[in-house]
Amino acid sequence: MREEVKTFLRRSTKFEKNAVWNLEQGDYDLAVFHVEQAMQLLVKAKLLEVVGDFPKTHNIVTLLELLCKITQDENIEKFIKENKVKLARLIDAYISSRYFVREFYREEAVEALNLLKELKSLLKVGRLEC
């Protein structure tokens, strides 16, 4: 596994741990933001592994659609279709953390963490097969 892929996966794991801690502390805005960062790095790691590069975008849907197109993976396509609204909320978390004020709720943070777990399972990252 390329060193860059390992680095992205380590960082993704750190963001996930931060998200869990933020959720426990009641910092839901940060929890959702950290989940978004974890997912972004996860998908970028997979793209690095598969094609050796990734587009310079922060849009998780765009990244997932590219991964789906490249891998022809129907499970990724299904994941995107079933979770597009949830993924859009994560995009909101990224954008609002920099430019706007948007309050997130506990339920959204829990939902985001569950979505991250689902994506990790889909990409088999827990076993470092990404």
N, C-alpha and C. Protein backbone atom coordinates (compact mmCIF):
# COMPACT_ATOMS: atom_id res chain seq x y z
N MET A 1 0.85 -1.18 0.00
CA MET A 1 0.00 0.00 0.00
C MET A 1 0.89 1.23 0.00
N ARG A 2 0.57 2.14 -0.87
CA ARG A 2 1.37 3.37 -0.94
C ARG A 2 1.32 4.12 0.38
N GLU A 3 2.42 4.77 0.68
CA GLU A 3 2.53 5.53 1.93
C GLU A 3 1.48 6.64 2.01
N GLU A 4 1.20 7.27 0.89
CA GLU A 4 0.22 8.35 0.86
C GLU A 4 -1.18 7.82 1.23
N VAL A 5 -1.51 6.63 0.76
CA VAL A 5 -2.79 6.01 1.09
C VAL A 5 -2.87 5.74 2.59
N LYS A 6 -1.80 5.20 3.14
CA LYS A 6 -1.76 4.93 4.59
C LYS A 6 -1.93 6.22 5.39
N THR A 7 -1.28 7.27 4.94
CA THR A 7 -1.39 8.56 5.64
C THR A 7 -2.83 9.06 5.61
N PHE A 8 -3.47 9.00 4.46
CA PHE A 8 -4.87 9.44 4.37
C PHE A 8 -5.76 8.60 5.27
N LEU A 9 -5.52 7.30 5.32
CA LEU A 9 -6.33 6.43 6.17
C LEU A 9 -6.11 6.73 7.66
N ARG A 10 -4.87 6.98 8.05
CA ARG A 10 -4.59 7.36 9.45
C ARG A 10 -5.30 8.66 9.80
N ARG A 11 -5.23 9.63 8.93
CA ARG A 11 -5.89 10.91 9.18
C ARG A 11 -7.41 10.74 9.25
N SER A 12 -7.94 9.92 8.38
CA SER A 12 -9.37 9.65 8.40
C SER A 12 -9.79 9.06 9.74
N THR A 13 -9.00 8.14 10.24
CA THR A 13 -9.29 7.52 11.54
C THR A 13 -9.22 8.55 12.66
N LYS A 14 -8.27 9.46 12.59
CA LYS A 14 -8.17 10.51 13.61
C LYS A 14 -9.39 11.43 13.57
N PHE A 15 -9.84 11.79 12.37
CA PHE A 15 -11.04 12.62 12.26
C PHE A 15 -12.26 11.88 12.82
N GLU A 16 -12.33 10.59 12.56
CA GLU A 16 -13.45 9.80 13.09
C GLU A 16 -13.42 9.80 14.62
N LYS A 17 -12.26 9.60 15.20
CA LYS A 17 -12.14 9.62 16.67
C LYS A 17 -12.52 10.99 17.22
N ASN A 18 -12.11 12.05 16.53
CA ASN A 18 -12.49 13.39 16.95
C ASN A 18 -14.01 13.56 16.89
N ALA A 19 -14.63 13.03 15.85
CA ALA A 19 -16.08 13.13 15.69
C ALA A 19 -16.80 12.45 16.85
N VAL A 20 -16.33 11.28 17.23
CA VAL A 20 -16.94 10.56 18.35
C VAL A 20 -16.79 11.37 19.63
N TRP A 21 -15.61 11.92 19.86
CA TRP A 21 -15.37 12.73 21.06
C TRP A 21 -16.26 13.97 21.04
N ASN A 22 -16.33 14.65 19.88
CA ASN A 22 -17.19 15.83 19.76
C ASN A 22 -18.64 15.49 20.06
N LEU A 23 -19.11 14.36 19.57
CA LEU A 23 -20.48 13.93 19.83
C LEU A 23 -20.69 13.74 21.33
N GLU A 24 -19.74 13.09 21.99
CA GLU A 24 -19.84 12.86 23.44
C GLU A 24 -19.85 14.17 24.21
N GLN A 25 -19.17 15.18 23.70
CA GLN A 25 -19.09 16.49 24.36
C GLN A 25 -20.27 17.40 24.02
N GLY A 26 -21.10 16.96 23.09
CA GLY A 26 -22.24 17.79 22.68
C GLY A 26 -21.89 18.81 21.63
N ASP A 27 -20.72 18.69 21.02
CA ASP A 27 -20.28 19.60 19.96
C ASP A 27 -20.67 19.00 18.60
N TYR A 28 -21.95 19.08 18.28
CA TYR A 28 -22.47 18.38 17.11
C TYR A 28 -21.98 18.97 15.80
N ASP A 29 -21.80 20.29 15.75
CA ASP A 29 -21.29 20.92 14.53
C ASP A 29 -19.91 20.34 14.18
N LEU A 30 -19.05 20.29 15.17
CA LEU A 30 -17.70 19.75 14.94
C LEU A 30 -17.74 18.26 14.64
N ALA A 31 -18.63 17.53 15.28
CA ALA A 31 -18.75 16.10 15.04
C ALA A 31 -19.08 15.84 13.56
N VAL A 32 -20.06 16.56 13.05
CA VAL A 32 -20.45 16.37 11.65
C VAL A 32 -19.32 16.80 10.72
N PHE A 33 -18.68 17.92 11.03
CA PHE A 33 -17.55 18.38 10.22
C PHE A 33 -16.43 17.33 10.19
N HIS A 34 -16.12 16.76 11.33
CA HIS A 34 -15.05 15.76 11.39
C HIS A 34 -15.42 14.48 10.65
N VAL A 35 -16.69 14.12 10.66
CA VAL A 35 -17.13 12.96 9.87
C VAL A 35 -16.93 13.26 8.39
N GLU A 36 -17.30 14.46 7.97
CA GLU A 36 -17.12 14.83 6.56
C GLU A 36 -15.65 14.73 6.16
N GLN A 37 -14.77 15.21 7.02
CA GLN A 37 -13.34 15.15 6.72
C GLN A 37 -12.86 13.70 6.66
N ALA A 38 -13.34 12.87 7.57
CA ALA A 38 -12.97 11.45 7.58
C ALA A 38 -13.41 10.77 6.29
N MET A 39 -14.63 11.07 5.85
CA MET A 39 -15.15 10.45 4.63
C MET A 39 -14.38 10.93 3.40
N GLN A 40 -14.09 12.22 3.37
CA GLN A 40 -13.34 12.77 2.24
C GLN A 40 -11.98 12.06 2.10
N LEU A 41 -11.28 11.93 3.19
CA LEU A 41 -9.97 11.28 3.16
C LEU A 41 -10.07 9.80 2.81
N LEU A 42 -11.12 9.16 3.28
CA LEU A 42 -11.35 7.76 2.99
C LEU A 42 -11.52 7.53 1.49
N VAL A 43 -12.37 8.33 0.87
CA VAL A 43 -12.62 8.17 -0.56
C VAL A 43 -11.38 8.58 -1.36
N LYS A 44 -10.70 9.62 -0.93
CA LYS A 44 -9.47 10.02 -1.63
C LYS A 44 -8.40 8.94 -1.52
N ALA A 45 -8.32 8.26 -0.39
CA ALA A 45 -7.37 7.15 -0.24
C ALA A 45 -7.69 6.03 -1.22
N LYS A 46 -8.97 5.73 -1.35
CA LYS A 46 -9.38 4.68 -2.29
C LYS A 46 -9.06 5.08 -3.73
N LEU A 47 -9.34 6.34 -4.07
CA LEU A 47 -9.01 6.82 -5.41
C LEU A 47 -7.50 6.77 -5.66
N LEU A 48 -6.72 7.12 -4.65
CA LEU A 48 -5.26 7.02 -4.79
C LEU A 48 -4.83 5.59 -5.06
N GLU A 49 -5.45 4.67 -4.35
CA GLU A 49 -5.09 3.27 -4.55
C GLU A 49 -5.48 2.78 -5.94
N VAL A 50 -6.66 3.15 -6.38
CA VAL A 50 -7.19 2.64 -7.65
C VAL A 50 -6.56 3.31 -8.86
N VAL A 51 -6.43 4.64 -8.84
CA VAL A 51 -5.93 5.35 -10.02
C VAL A 51 -4.68 6.18 -9.77
N GLY A 52 -4.27 6.28 -8.52
CA GLY A 52 -3.05 7.02 -8.21
C GLY A 52 -3.22 8.52 -8.05
N ASP A 53 -4.45 9.00 -8.09
CA ASP A 53 -4.70 10.43 -7.97
C ASP A 53 -6.16 10.65 -7.60
N PHE A 54 -6.51 11.88 -7.30
CA PHE A 54 -7.90 12.24 -7.04
C PHE A 54 -8.08 13.71 -7.41
N PRO A 55 -9.31 14.09 -7.76
CA PRO A 55 -9.54 15.49 -8.12
C PRO A 55 -9.43 16.39 -6.90
N LYS A 56 -9.06 17.60 -7.12
CA LYS A 56 -8.90 18.56 -6.02
C LYS A 56 -10.25 19.20 -5.72
N THR A 57 -11.13 18.40 -5.16
CA THR A 57 -12.45 18.87 -4.76
C THR A 57 -12.71 18.38 -3.34
N HIS A 58 -13.61 19.07 -2.66
CA HIS A 58 -14.00 18.66 -1.32
C HIS A 58 -15.41 18.07 -1.31
N ASN A 59 -16.02 17.98 -2.47
CA ASN A 59 -17.40 17.50 -2.57
C ASN A 59 -17.41 15.98 -2.51
N ILE A 60 -17.92 15.45 -1.41
CA ILE A 60 -17.91 14.01 -1.18
C ILE A 60 -18.74 13.26 -2.23
N VAL A 61 -19.82 13.86 -2.69
CA VAL A 61 -20.64 13.21 -3.72
C VAL A 61 -19.86 13.11 -5.03
N THR A 62 -19.20 14.17 -5.41
CA THR A 62 -18.38 14.16 -6.63
C THR A 62 -17.30 13.10 -6.54
N LEU A 63 -16.64 13.02 -5.40
CA LEU A 63 -15.58 12.02 -5.20
C LEU A 63 -16.14 10.59 -5.29
N LEU A 64 -17.28 10.37 -4.63
CA LEU A 64 -17.90 9.04 -4.68
C LEU A 64 -18.37 8.68 -6.08
N GLU A 65 -18.94 9.64 -6.79
CA GLU A 65 -19.39 9.38 -8.17
C GLU A 65 -18.21 9.02 -9.06
N LEU A 66 -17.09 9.69 -8.88
CA LEU A 66 -15.90 9.37 -9.65
C LEU A 66 -15.41 7.95 -9.32
N LEU A 67 -15.36 7.64 -8.04
CA LEU A 67 -14.93 6.30 -7.62
C LEU A 67 -15.86 5.24 -8.21
N CYS A 68 -17.14 5.51 -8.19
CA CYS A 68 -18.13 4.59 -8.76
C CYS A 68 -17.90 4.39 -10.26
N LYS A 69 -17.68 5.49 -10.95
CA LYS A 69 -17.45 5.43 -12.39
C LYS A 69 -16.19 4.62 -12.72
N ILE A 70 -15.14 4.85 -11.96
CA ILE A 70 -13.87 4.18 -12.22
C ILE A 70 -13.94 2.69 -11.90
N THR A 71 -14.55 2.36 -10.77
CA THR A 71 -14.58 0.96 -10.32
C THR A 71 -15.75 0.17 -10.86
N GLN A 72 -16.77 0.90 -11.40
CA GLN A 72 -17.98 0.24 -11.88
C GLN A 72 -18.64 -0.58 -10.75
N ASP A 73 -18.53 -0.10 -9.54
CA ASP A 73 -19.04 -0.81 -8.37
C ASP A 73 -20.49 -0.42 -8.12
N GLU A 74 -21.38 -1.38 -8.30
CA GLU A 74 -22.81 -1.12 -8.11
C GLU A 74 -23.14 -0.81 -6.65
N ASN A 75 -22.36 -1.32 -5.72
CA ASN A 75 -22.60 -1.04 -4.30
C ASN A 75 -22.34 0.43 -3.97
N ILE A 76 -21.33 0.99 -4.59
CA ILE A 76 -21.05 2.42 -4.39
C ILE A 76 -22.17 3.25 -5.01
N GLU A 77 -22.61 2.84 -6.19
CA GLU A 77 -23.72 3.54 -6.84
C GLU A 77 -24.97 3.51 -5.95
N LYS A 78 -25.26 2.36 -5.39
CA LYS A 78 -26.42 2.20 -4.50
C LYS A 78 -26.25 3.06 -3.25
N PHE A 79 -25.04 3.08 -2.68
CA PHE A 79 -24.75 3.90 -1.49
C PHE A 79 -25.04 5.37 -1.78
N ILE A 80 -24.59 5.85 -2.93
CA ILE A 80 -24.81 7.26 -3.29
C ILE A 80 -26.31 7.54 -3.41
N LYS A 81 -27.02 6.70 -4.14
CA LYS A 81 -28.45 6.91 -4.35
C LYS A 81 -29.23 6.91 -3.04
N GLU A 82 -28.91 5.96 -2.17
CA GLU A 82 -29.65 5.82 -0.91
C GLU A 82 -29.30 6.91 0.10
N ASN A 83 -28.17 7.57 -0.06
CA ASN A 83 -27.69 8.49 0.97
C ASN A 83 -27.39 9.89 0.47
N LYS A 84 -27.91 10.25 -0.69
CA LYS A 84 -27.56 11.55 -1.28
C LYS A 84 -27.92 12.73 -0.37
N VAL A 85 -29.06 12.66 0.29
CA VAL A 85 -29.47 13.76 1.18
C VAL A 85 -28.53 13.82 2.38
N LYS A 86 -28.18 12.69 2.94
CA LYS A 86 -27.25 12.66 4.08
C LYS A 86 -25.87 13.17 3.65
N LEU A 87 -25.44 12.78 2.49
CA LEU A 87 -24.15 13.24 1.97
C LEU A 87 -24.17 14.75 1.73
N ALA A 88 -25.31 15.26 1.26
CA ALA A 88 -25.44 16.71 1.06
C ALA A 88 -25.31 17.46 2.38
N ARG A 89 -25.82 16.87 3.46
CA ARG A 89 -25.67 17.49 4.79
C ARG A 89 -24.19 17.57 5.18
N LEU A 90 -23.44 16.56 4.80
CA LEU A 90 -22.00 16.59 5.10
C LEU A 90 -21.30 17.68 4.29
N ILE A 91 -21.73 17.87 3.07
CA ILE A 91 -21.19 18.96 2.25
C ILE A 91 -21.52 20.29 2.93
N ASP A 92 -22.75 20.41 3.44
CA ASP A 92 -23.14 21.61 4.20
C ASP A 92 -22.21 21.83 5.39
N ALA A 93 -21.87 20.75 6.07
CA ALA A 93 -20.99 20.85 7.24
C ALA A 93 -19.63 21.42 6.86
N TYR A 94 -19.11 20.97 5.74
CA TYR A 94 -17.82 21.47 5.28
C TYR A 94 -17.91 22.95 4.93
N ILE A 95 -18.90 23.31 4.13
CA ILE A 95 -19.04 24.69 3.68
C ILE A 95 -19.37 25.63 4.83
N SER A 96 -20.32 25.22 5.66
CA SER A 96 -20.75 26.11 6.76
C SER A 96 -19.66 26.29 7.80
N SER A 97 -18.76 25.34 7.93
CA SER A 97 -17.68 25.50 8.90
C SER A 97 -16.75 26.64 8.53
N ARG A 98 -16.75 27.01 7.25
CA ARG A 98 -15.85 28.05 6.77
C ARG A 98 -16.54 29.37 6.45
N TYR A 99 -17.79 29.29 6.00
CA TYR A 99 -18.41 30.48 5.43
C TYR A 99 -19.72 30.91 6.06
N PHE A 100 -20.42 30.02 6.73
CA PHE A 100 -21.75 30.33 7.24
C PHE A 100 -21.91 29.80 8.66
N VAL A 101 -23.00 30.17 9.27
CA VAL A 101 -23.35 29.60 10.56
C VAL A 101 -24.51 28.63 10.32
N ARG A 102 -24.28 27.39 10.64
CA ARG A 102 -25.31 26.37 10.50
C ARG A 102 -25.18 25.45 11.70
N GLU A 103 -26.23 25.35 12.47
CA GLU A 103 -26.21 24.51 13.66
C GLU A 103 -26.61 23.09 13.28
N PHE A 104 -25.87 22.13 13.78
CA PHE A 104 -26.21 20.73 13.57
C PHE A 104 -26.72 20.16 14.89
N TYR A 105 -27.51 19.11 14.78
CA TYR A 105 -28.14 18.50 15.94
C TYR A 105 -27.55 17.12 16.22
N ARG A 106 -27.78 16.66 17.42
CA ARG A 106 -27.25 15.36 17.84
C ARG A 106 -27.62 14.27 16.83
N GLU A 107 -28.86 14.26 16.42
CA GLU A 107 -29.33 13.23 15.49
C GLU A 107 -28.54 13.25 14.19
N GLU A 108 -28.19 14.44 13.73
CA GLU A 108 -27.40 14.56 12.50
C GLU A 108 -25.98 14.03 12.70
N ALA A 109 -25.43 14.28 13.87
CA ALA A 109 -24.08 13.78 14.15
C ALA A 109 -24.07 12.26 14.23
N VAL A 110 -25.05 11.69 14.88
CA VAL A 110 -25.16 10.23 14.98
C VAL A 110 -25.36 9.64 13.58
N GLU A 111 -26.24 10.24 12.82
CA GLU A 111 -26.50 9.78 11.46
C GLU A 111 -25.22 9.84 10.61
N ALA A 112 -24.45 10.91 10.75
CA ALA A 112 -23.21 11.07 9.99
C ALA A 112 -22.20 9.98 10.37
N LEU A 113 -22.06 9.70 11.66
CA LEU A 113 -21.14 8.65 12.09
C LEU A 113 -21.58 7.28 11.56
N ASN A 114 -22.86 7.02 11.56
CA ASN A 114 -23.36 5.76 11.01
C ASN A 114 -23.08 5.66 9.51
N LEU A 115 -23.22 6.78 8.81
CA LEU A 115 -22.92 6.81 7.38
C LEU A 115 -21.44 6.53 7.13
N LEU A 116 -20.59 7.09 7.96
CA LEU A 116 -19.15 6.83 7.84
C LEU A 116 -18.85 5.35 8.05
N LYS A 117 -19.46 4.74 9.05
CA LYS A 117 -19.25 3.31 9.30
C LYS A 117 -19.69 2.48 8.10
N GLU A 118 -20.82 2.87 7.51
CA GLU A 118 -21.31 2.16 6.33
C GLU A 118 -20.33 2.29 5.16
N LEU A 119 -19.80 3.48 4.96
CA LEU A 119 -18.84 3.69 3.88
C LEU A 119 -17.56 2.91 4.13
N LYS A 120 -17.08 2.91 5.36
CA LYS A 120 -15.87 2.15 5.70
C LYS A 120 -16.07 0.67 5.38
N SER A 121 -17.22 0.16 5.73
CA SER A 121 -17.53 -1.24 5.45
C SER A 121 -17.58 -1.50 3.95
N LEU A 122 -18.19 -0.59 3.22
CA LEU A 122 -18.31 -0.71 1.77
C LEU A 122 -16.95 -0.72 1.10
N LEU A 123 -16.06 0.15 1.56
CA LEU A 123 -14.73 0.24 0.95
C LEU A 123 -13.72 -0.71 1.59
N LYS A 124 -14.16 -1.45 2.60
CA LYS A 124 -13.33 -2.42 3.31
C LYS A 124 -12.08 -1.78 3.92
N VAL A 125 -12.24 -0.59 4.40
CA VAL A 125 -11.11 0.15 4.94
C VAL A 125 -10.69 -0.37 6.30
N GLY A 126 -11.62 -0.88 7.06
CA GLY A 126 -11.29 -1.40 8.39
C GLY A 126 -10.23 -2.48 8.33
N ARG A 127 -10.15 -3.17 7.22
CA ARG A 127 -9.14 -4.23 7.04
C ARG A 127 -7.99 -3.74 6.17
N LEU A 128 -7.90 -2.43 5.99
CA LEU A 128 -6.86 -1.80 5.19
C LEU A 128 -6.75 -2.38 3.79
N GLU A 129 -7.90 -2.71 3.20
CA GLU A 129 -7.93 -3.16 1.83
C GLU A 129 -8.21 -2.01 0.87
N CYS A 130 -8.36 -0.86 1.40
CA CYS A 130 -8.70 0.31 0.60
C CYS A 130 -7.63 0.61 -0.42
